[in-house]
Amino acid sequence: MVLKTVKKIFSFQAKEVIHWLDTQPIASVIYIAFGSMVRLPLSALEILAKALSPYSFIWSLKTEMTLPSLLMNLDSHRQLILEWTPQRAILEHPSISFFFSHGGWNSLLEGMIHGKAILVWPFFADQFDNAEQLVDLGMARQVSNHLEIDIESMLTNDSYTNKAKQIQQLVLQARESSSKEQIADIIQFISSKEKLHDEF
């Protein structure tokens, strides 16, 4: 397999990224970002590249690494890999279908603020607890050994997005003075409320 490096990947300014999104259908683009600390091995990148290849996406890869050739031969009208992305502007754009994230708290909070369903792949630290909370709420799905099925479910199952929109309204109400503890309290409240409702 021919390997290339991230040096040759597209570099867009924020306005260009938004313009690109403006050309995409509503809720058709996957946004992928695993933070600056995650270093995926080539084998994982190959699995991701294969699973994502049929879809439109923006993938934020912030570090220089070796990539499979499949990620270097993209259709730039549907697929972008960028060294830098304006994450908040991307997440608020209506063309984004869901956020594929590592489960870092700041990223998940941005996903909640913008009402985006989340496919979460936690790697370490509190990412596992963060993922579990959002999965329990119904706005997120954790990756399994069947990534193609996970992605297709996120794109076709409206329940994730519907729940994300509900959570968005609650999070926005607390946004002015939000902290992780306060948002966690909201999540706990929602979970308790739903359990009580189910009992009736």
C-alpha atoms as a PDB file:
ATOM      1  CA  MET A   1       0.000   0.000   0.000  1.00  0.00           C
ATOM      2  CA  VAL A   2       1.295   3.420  -0.942  1.00  0.00           C
ATOM      3  CA  LEU A   3       1.680   5.654   2.097  1.00  0.00           C
ATOM      4  CA  LYS A   4       1.744   9.427   2.132  1.00  0.00           C
ATOM      5  CA  THR A   5       1.902  12.005   4.878  1.00  0.00           C
ATOM      6  CA  VAL A   6      -0.503  14.653   6.069  1.00  0.00           C
ATOM      7  CA  LYS A   7       1.687  17.390   4.534  1.00  0.00           C
ATOM      8  CA  LYS A   8      -0.144  17.046   1.227  1.00  0.00           C
ATOM      9  CA  ILE A   9      -3.616  17.280   2.749  1.00  0.00           C
ATOM     10  CA  PHE A  10      -5.876  20.220   1.912  1.00  0.00           C
ATOM     11  CA  SER A  11      -5.544  23.368   3.990  1.00  0.00           C
ATOM     12  CA  PHE A  12      -8.674  25.504   4.124  1.00  0.00           C
ATOM     13  CA  GLN A  13      -9.450  28.763   5.858  1.00  0.00           C
ATOM     14  CA  ALA A  14     -12.558  28.905   8.047  1.00  0.00           C
ATOM     15  CA  LYS A  15     -14.622  30.716   5.393  1.00  0.00           C
ATOM     16  CA  GLU A  16     -13.671  28.102   2.814  1.00  0.00           C
ATOM     17  CA  VAL A  17     -14.745  25.279   5.113  1.00  0.00           C
ATOM     18  CA  ILE A  18     -18.140  26.888   5.679  1.00  0.00           C
ATOM     19  CA  HIS A  19     -18.516  27.574   1.964  1.00  0.00           C
ATOM     20  CA  TRP A  20     -17.762  23.895   1.292  1.00  0.00           C
ATOM     21  CA  LEU A  21     -20.410  22.882   3.829  1.00  0.00           C
ATOM     22  CA  ASP A  22     -22.886  25.256   2.187  1.00  0.00           C
ATOM     23  CA  THR A  23     -22.636  23.145  -0.967  1.00  0.00           C
ATOM     24  CA  GLN A  24     -23.548  19.929   0.861  1.00  0.00           C
ATOM     25  CA  PRO A  25     -27.082  18.600   1.457  1.00  0.00           C
ATOM     26  CA  ILE A  26     -28.625  19.073   4.876  1.00  0.00           C
ATOM     27  CA  ALA A  27     -27.522  16.472   7.460  1.00  0.00           C
ATOM     28  CA  SER A  28     -25.277  14.643   4.987  1.00  0.00           C
ATOM     29  CA  VAL A  29     -21.739  15.247   6.304  1.00  0.00           C
ATOM     30  CA  ILE A  30     -19.933  13.434   9.119  1.00  0.00           C
ATOM     31  CA  TYR A  31     -17.537  15.522  11.192  1.00  0.00           C
ATOM     32  CA  ILE A  32     -14.647  13.515  12.648  1.00  0.00           C
ATOM     33  CA  ALA A  33     -12.247  14.822  15.299  1.00  0.00           C
ATOM     34  CA  PHE A  34     -10.384  12.789  17.911  1.00  0.00           C
ATOM     35  CA  GLY A  35      -8.578  15.630  19.661  1.00  0.00           C
ATOM     36  CA  SER A  36      -4.894  16.478  19.696  1.00  0.00           C
ATOM     37  CA  MET A  37      -3.756  13.688  22.044  1.00  0.00           C
ATOM     38  CA  VAL A  38      -5.077  10.619  20.207  1.00  0.00           C
ATOM     39  CA  ARG A  39      -2.555   8.882  17.938  1.00  0.00           C
ATOM     40  CA  LEU A  40      -4.292   6.272  15.830  1.00  0.00           C
ATOM     41  CA  PRO A  41      -2.171   3.415  14.467  1.00  0.00           C
ATOM     42  CA  LEU A  42      -2.150   2.867  10.720  1.00  0.00           C
ATOM     43  CA  SER A  43      -4.311  -0.235  11.084  1.00  0.00           C
ATOM     44  CA  ALA A  44      -7.053   1.801  12.794  1.00  0.00           C
ATOM     45  CA  LEU A  45      -6.809   4.524  10.158  1.00  0.00           C
ATOM     46  CA  GLU A  46      -7.249   1.926   7.432  1.00  0.00           C
ATOM     47  CA  ILE A  47     -10.397   0.574   9.117  1.00  0.00           C
ATOM     48  CA  LEU A  48     -11.787   4.083   9.508  1.00  0.00           C
ATOM     49  CA  ALA A  49     -10.925   5.037   5.937  1.00  0.00           C
ATOM     50  CA  LYS A  50     -12.720   2.000   4.558  1.00  0.00           C
ATOM     51  CA  ALA A  51     -15.806   2.529   6.713  1.00  0.00           C
ATOM     52  CA  LEU A  52     -16.026   6.229   5.882  1.00  0.00           C
ATOM     53  CA  SER A  53     -15.243   6.012   2.175  1.00  0.00           C
ATOM     54  CA  PRO A  54     -18.887   5.890   0.955  1.00  0.00           C
ATOM     55  CA  TYR A  55     -19.834   9.040   2.865  1.00  0.00           C
ATOM     56  CA  SER A  56     -19.263  12.779   2.866  1.00  0.00           C
ATOM     57  CA  PHE A  57     -17.075  13.939   5.724  1.00  0.00           C
ATOM     58  CA  ILE A  58     -14.708  16.479   7.216  1.00  0.00           C
ATOM     59  CA  TRP A  59     -11.928  14.862   9.223  1.00  0.00           C
ATOM     60  CA  SER A  60      -9.682  16.920  11.480  1.00  0.00           C
ATOM     61  CA  LEU A  61      -6.173  15.434  11.695  1.00  0.00           C
ATOM     62  CA  LYS A  62      -4.028  17.857  13.631  1.00  0.00           C
ATOM     63  CA  THR A  63      -0.734  15.982  13.691  1.00  0.00           C
ATOM     64  CA  GLU A  64       1.682  14.794  11.064  1.00  0.00           C
ATOM     65  CA  MET A  65       1.309  11.075  10.584  1.00  0.00           C
ATOM     66  CA  THR A  66       1.449   8.407   7.928  1.00  0.00           C
ATOM     67  CA  LEU A  67      -1.880   7.794   6.238  1.00  0.00           C
ATOM     68  CA  PRO A  68      -3.254   5.045   4.019  1.00  0.00           C
ATOM     69  CA  SER A  69      -3.521   6.022   0.362  1.00  0.00           C
ATOM     70  CA  LEU A  70      -7.313   5.754   0.531  1.00  0.00           C
ATOM     71  CA  LEU A  71      -7.306   8.932   2.606  1.00  0.00           C
ATOM     72  CA  MET A  72      -5.047  10.725   0.162  1.00  0.00           C
ATOM     73  CA  ASN A  73      -7.222  10.104  -2.891  1.00  0.00           C
ATOM     74  CA  LEU A  74     -10.459  11.732  -1.825  1.00  0.00           C
ATOM     75  CA  ASP A  75     -13.249  13.331  -3.782  1.00  0.00           C
ATOM     76  CA  SER A  76     -12.775  16.894  -2.509  1.00  0.00           C
ATOM     77  CA  HIS A  77     -16.375  17.711  -3.435  1.00  0.00           C
ATOM     78  CA  ARG A  78     -17.538  15.261  -0.751  1.00  0.00           C
ATOM     79  CA  GLN A  79     -14.602  14.550   1.557  1.00  0.00           C
ATOM     80  CA  LEU A  80     -12.049  16.748   3.294  1.00  0.00           C
ATOM     81  CA  ILE A  81      -9.140  15.993   5.599  1.00  0.00           C
ATOM     82  CA  LEU A  82      -7.837  19.148   7.224  1.00  0.00           C
ATOM     83  CA  GLU A  83      -4.975  19.901   9.584  1.00  0.00           C
ATOM     84  CA  TRP A  84      -7.107  22.561  11.267  1.00  0.00           C
ATOM     85  CA  THR A  85     -10.877  22.939  11.495  1.00  0.00           C
ATOM     86  CA  PRO A  86     -13.187  25.629  12.950  1.00  0.00           C
ATOM     87  CA  GLN A  87     -14.972  23.029  15.079  1.00  0.00           C
ATOM     88  CA  ARG A  88     -17.721  25.191  16.531  1.00  0.00           C
ATOM     89  CA  ALA A  89     -18.650  26.647  13.155  1.00  0.00           C
ATOM     90  CA  ILE A  90     -18.695  23.160  11.651  1.00  0.00           C
ATOM     91  CA  LEU A  91     -20.865  21.678  14.394  1.00  0.00           C
ATOM     92  CA  GLU A  92     -23.462  24.426  14.125  1.00  0.00           C
ATOM     93  CA  HIS A  93     -23.790  23.972  10.365  1.00  0.00           C
ATOM     94  CA  PRO A  94     -26.998  22.226   9.214  1.00  0.00           C
ATOM     95  CA  SER A  95     -25.084  20.040   6.741  1.00  0.00           C
ATOM     96  CA  ILE A  96     -23.442  18.131   9.607  1.00  0.00           C
ATOM     97  CA  SER A  97     -25.294  14.906  10.344  1.00  0.00           C
ATOM     98  CA  PHE A  98     -23.336  13.758  13.386  1.00  0.00           C
ATOM     99  CA  PHE A  99     -20.075  14.216  15.256  1.00  0.00           C
ATOM    100  CA  PHE A 100     -17.604  11.284  15.413  1.00  0.00           C
ATOM    101  CA  SER A 101     -15.608  12.096  18.557  1.00  0.00           C
ATOM    102  CA  HIS A 102     -13.084  10.656  21.009  1.00  0.00           C
ATOM    103  CA  GLY A 103     -15.278  11.662  23.934  1.00  0.00           C
ATOM    104  CA  GLY A 104     -13.260  14.546  25.358  1.00  0.00           C
ATOM    105  CA  TRP A 105     -15.484  16.693  27.549  1.00  0.00           C
ATOM    106  CA  ASN A 106     -15.021  19.969  25.635  1.00  0.00           C
ATOM    107  CA  SER A 107     -15.852  18.291  22.348  1.00  0.00           C
ATOM    108  CA  LEU A 108     -18.902  16.553  23.770  1.00  0.00           C
ATOM    109  CA  LEU A 109     -20.127  19.804  25.293  1.00  0.00           C
ATOM    110  CA  GLU A 110     -19.771  21.526  21.919  1.00  0.00           C
ATOM    111  CA  GLY A 111     -21.740  18.684  20.361  1.00  0.00           C
ATOM    112  CA  MET A 112     -24.488  19.129  22.961  1.00  0.00           C
ATOM    113  CA  ILE A 113     -24.562  22.916  22.512  1.00  0.00           C
ATOM    114  CA  HIS A 114     -25.063  22.490  18.778  1.00  0.00           C
ATOM    115  CA  GLY A 115     -27.554  19.633  19.079  1.00  0.00           C
ATOM    116  CA  LYS A 116     -25.491  17.064  17.214  1.00  0.00           C
ATOM    117  CA  ALA A 117     -25.773  13.323  17.688  1.00  0.00           C
ATOM    118  CA  ILE A 118     -22.418  11.775  18.567  1.00  0.00           C
ATOM    119  CA  LEU A 119     -20.667   8.558  17.601  1.00  0.00           C
ATOM    120  CA  VAL A 120     -18.092   8.254  20.348  1.00  0.00           C
ATOM    121  CA  TRP A 121     -14.856   6.271  20.446  1.00  0.00           C
ATOM    122  CA  PRO A 122     -13.297   6.795  23.894  1.00  0.00           C
ATOM    123  CA  PHE A 123      -9.586   6.113  24.339  1.00  0.00           C
ATOM    124  CA  PHE A 124      -8.559   7.045  27.882  1.00  0.00           C
ATOM    125  CA  ALA A 125      -9.236   8.944  31.124  1.00  0.00           C
ATOM    126  CA  ASP A 126     -12.751  10.346  31.598  1.00  0.00           C
ATOM    127  CA  GLN A 127     -13.693   9.761  27.965  1.00  0.00           C
ATOM    128  CA  PHE A 128     -15.285   6.427  28.875  1.00  0.00           C
ATOM    129  CA  ASP A 129     -17.481   7.985  31.565  1.00  0.00           C
ATOM    130  CA  ASN A 130     -18.378  10.890  29.271  1.00  0.00           C
ATOM    131  CA  ALA A 131     -19.369   8.478  26.529  1.00  0.00           C
ATOM    132  CA  GLU A 132     -21.450   6.361  28.879  1.00  0.00           C
ATOM    133  CA  GLN A 133     -23.422   9.385  30.076  1.00  0.00           C
ATOM    134  CA  LEU A 134     -24.342  10.504  26.566  1.00  0.00           C
ATOM    135  CA  VAL A 135     -25.114   6.965  25.415  1.00  0.00           C
ATOM    136  CA  ASP A 136     -27.448   6.590  28.399  1.00  0.00           C
ATOM    137  CA  LEU A 137     -29.200   9.794  27.344  1.00  0.00           C
ATOM    138  CA  GLY A 138     -29.805   8.419  23.865  1.00  0.00           C
ATOM    139  CA  MET A 139     -27.962  11.120  21.915  1.00  0.00           C
ATOM    140  CA  ALA A 140     -24.820   9.058  21.358  1.00  0.00           C
ATOM    141  CA  ARG A 141     -23.689   5.618  20.283  1.00  0.00           C
ATOM    142  CA  GLN A 142     -20.360   4.051  21.242  1.00  0.00           C
ATOM    143  CA  VAL A 143     -18.353   2.402  18.492  1.00  0.00           C
ATOM    144  CA  SER A 144     -18.468  -1.365  18.276  1.00  0.00           C
ATOM    145  CA  ASN A 145     -16.560  -3.961  16.292  1.00  0.00           C
ATOM    146  CA  HIS A 146     -18.887  -3.184  13.392  1.00  0.00           C
ATOM    147  CA  LEU A 147     -18.023   0.388  12.479  1.00  0.00           C
ATOM    148  CA  GLU A 148     -19.920   0.319   9.183  1.00  0.00           C
ATOM    149  CA  ILE A 149     -23.118  -0.560  11.056  1.00  0.00           C
ATOM    150  CA  ASP A 150     -22.429   2.143  13.657  1.00  0.00           C
ATOM    151  CA  ILE A 151     -22.044   4.817  10.992  1.00  0.00           C
ATOM    152  CA  GLU A 152     -25.110   3.708   9.045  1.00  0.00           C
ATOM    153  CA  SER A 153     -27.176   3.697  12.244  1.00  0.00           C
ATOM    154  CA  MET A 154     -26.100   7.239  13.086  1.00  0.00           C
ATOM    155  CA  LEU A 155     -27.097   8.409   9.620  1.00  0.00           C
ATOM    156  CA  THR A 156     -30.464   6.667   9.468  1.00  0.00           C
ATOM    157  CA  ASN A 157     -31.727   6.484  13.071  1.00  0.00           C
ATOM    158  CA  ASP A 158     -33.350   9.830  13.830  1.00  0.00           C
ATOM    159  CA  SER A 159     -33.661   9.059  17.539  1.00  0.00           C
ATOM    160  CA  TYR A 160     -30.055  10.111  18.198  1.00  0.00           C
ATOM    161  CA  THR A 161     -30.542  13.514  16.599  1.00  0.00           C
ATOM    162  CA  ASN A 162     -33.968  14.027  18.162  1.00  0.00           C
ATOM    163  CA  LYS A 163     -32.549  13.388  21.615  1.00  0.00           C
ATOM    164  CA  ALA A 164     -29.544  15.619  20.876  1.00  0.00           C
ATOM    165  CA  LYS A 165     -31.920  18.486  20.046  1.00  0.00           C
ATOM    166  CA  GLN A 166     -33.726  17.998  23.356  1.00  0.00           C
ATOM    167  CA  ILE A 167     -30.456  18.021  25.270  1.00  0.00           C
ATOM    168  CA  GLN A 168     -29.357  21.113  23.346  1.00  0.00           C
ATOM    169  CA  GLN A 169     -32.239  23.138  24.715  1.00  0.00           C
ATOM    170  CA  LEU A 170     -31.376  22.257  28.310  1.00  0.00           C
ATOM    171  CA  VAL A 171     -27.667  22.865  27.837  1.00  0.00           C
ATOM    172  CA  LEU A 172     -28.235  26.258  26.221  1.00  0.00           C
ATOM    173  CA  GLN A 173     -30.291  27.322  29.233  1.00  0.00           C
ATOM    174  CA  ALA A 174     -27.291  26.620  31.481  1.00  0.00           C
ATOM    175  CA  ARG A 175     -24.653  27.847  29.064  1.00  0.00           C
ATOM    176  CA  GLU A 176     -23.988  31.239  30.648  1.00  0.00           C
ATOM    177  CA  SER A 177     -22.585  29.668  33.818  1.00  0.00           C
ATOM    178  CA  SER A 178     -21.931  26.148  32.623  1.00  0.00           C
ATOM    179  CA  SER A 179     -19.321  23.860  34.063  1.00  0.00           C
ATOM    180  CA  LYS A 180     -18.801  20.141  33.731  1.00  0.00           C
ATOM    181  CA  GLU A 181     -20.459  19.622  37.102  1.00  0.00           C
ATOM    182  CA  GLN A 182     -23.510  21.674  36.148  1.00  0.00           C
ATOM    183  CA  ILE A 183     -23.967  19.921  32.828  1.00  0.00           C
ATOM    184  CA  ALA A 184     -23.496  16.572  34.585  1.00  0.00           C
ATOM    185  CA  ASP A 185     -26.291  17.617  36.957  1.00  0.00           C
ATOM    186  CA  ILE A 186     -28.512  18.294  33.949  1.00  0.00           C
ATOM    187  CA  ILE A 187     -27.681  14.894  32.521  1.00  0.00           C
ATOM    188  CA  GLN A 188     -28.464  13.257  35.857  1.00  0.00           C
ATOM    189  CA  PHE A 189     -31.740  15.145  36.062  1.00  0.00           C
ATOM    190  CA  ILE A 190     -32.770  14.064  32.577  1.00  0.00           C
ATOM    191  CA  SER A 191     -31.868  10.454  33.285  1.00  0.00           C
ATOM    192  CA  SER A 192     -33.853  10.445  36.549  1.00  0.00           C
ATOM    193  CA  LYS A 193     -36.812  12.136  34.908  1.00  0.00           C
ATOM    194  CA  GLU A 194     -36.891   9.591  32.102  1.00  0.00           C
ATOM    195  CA  LYS A 195     -36.684   6.682  34.564  1.00  0.00           C
ATOM    196  CA  LEU A 196     -39.614   8.093  36.560  1.00  0.00           C
ATOM    197  CA  HIS A 197     -41.604   8.555  33.372  1.00  0.00           C
ATOM    198  CA  ASP A 198     -40.928   4.968  32.344  1.00  0.00           C
ATOM    199  CA  GLU A 199     -42.174   3.718  35.717  1.00  0.00           C
ATOM    200  CA  PHE A 200     -45.533   5.329  35.066  1.00  0.00           C
END
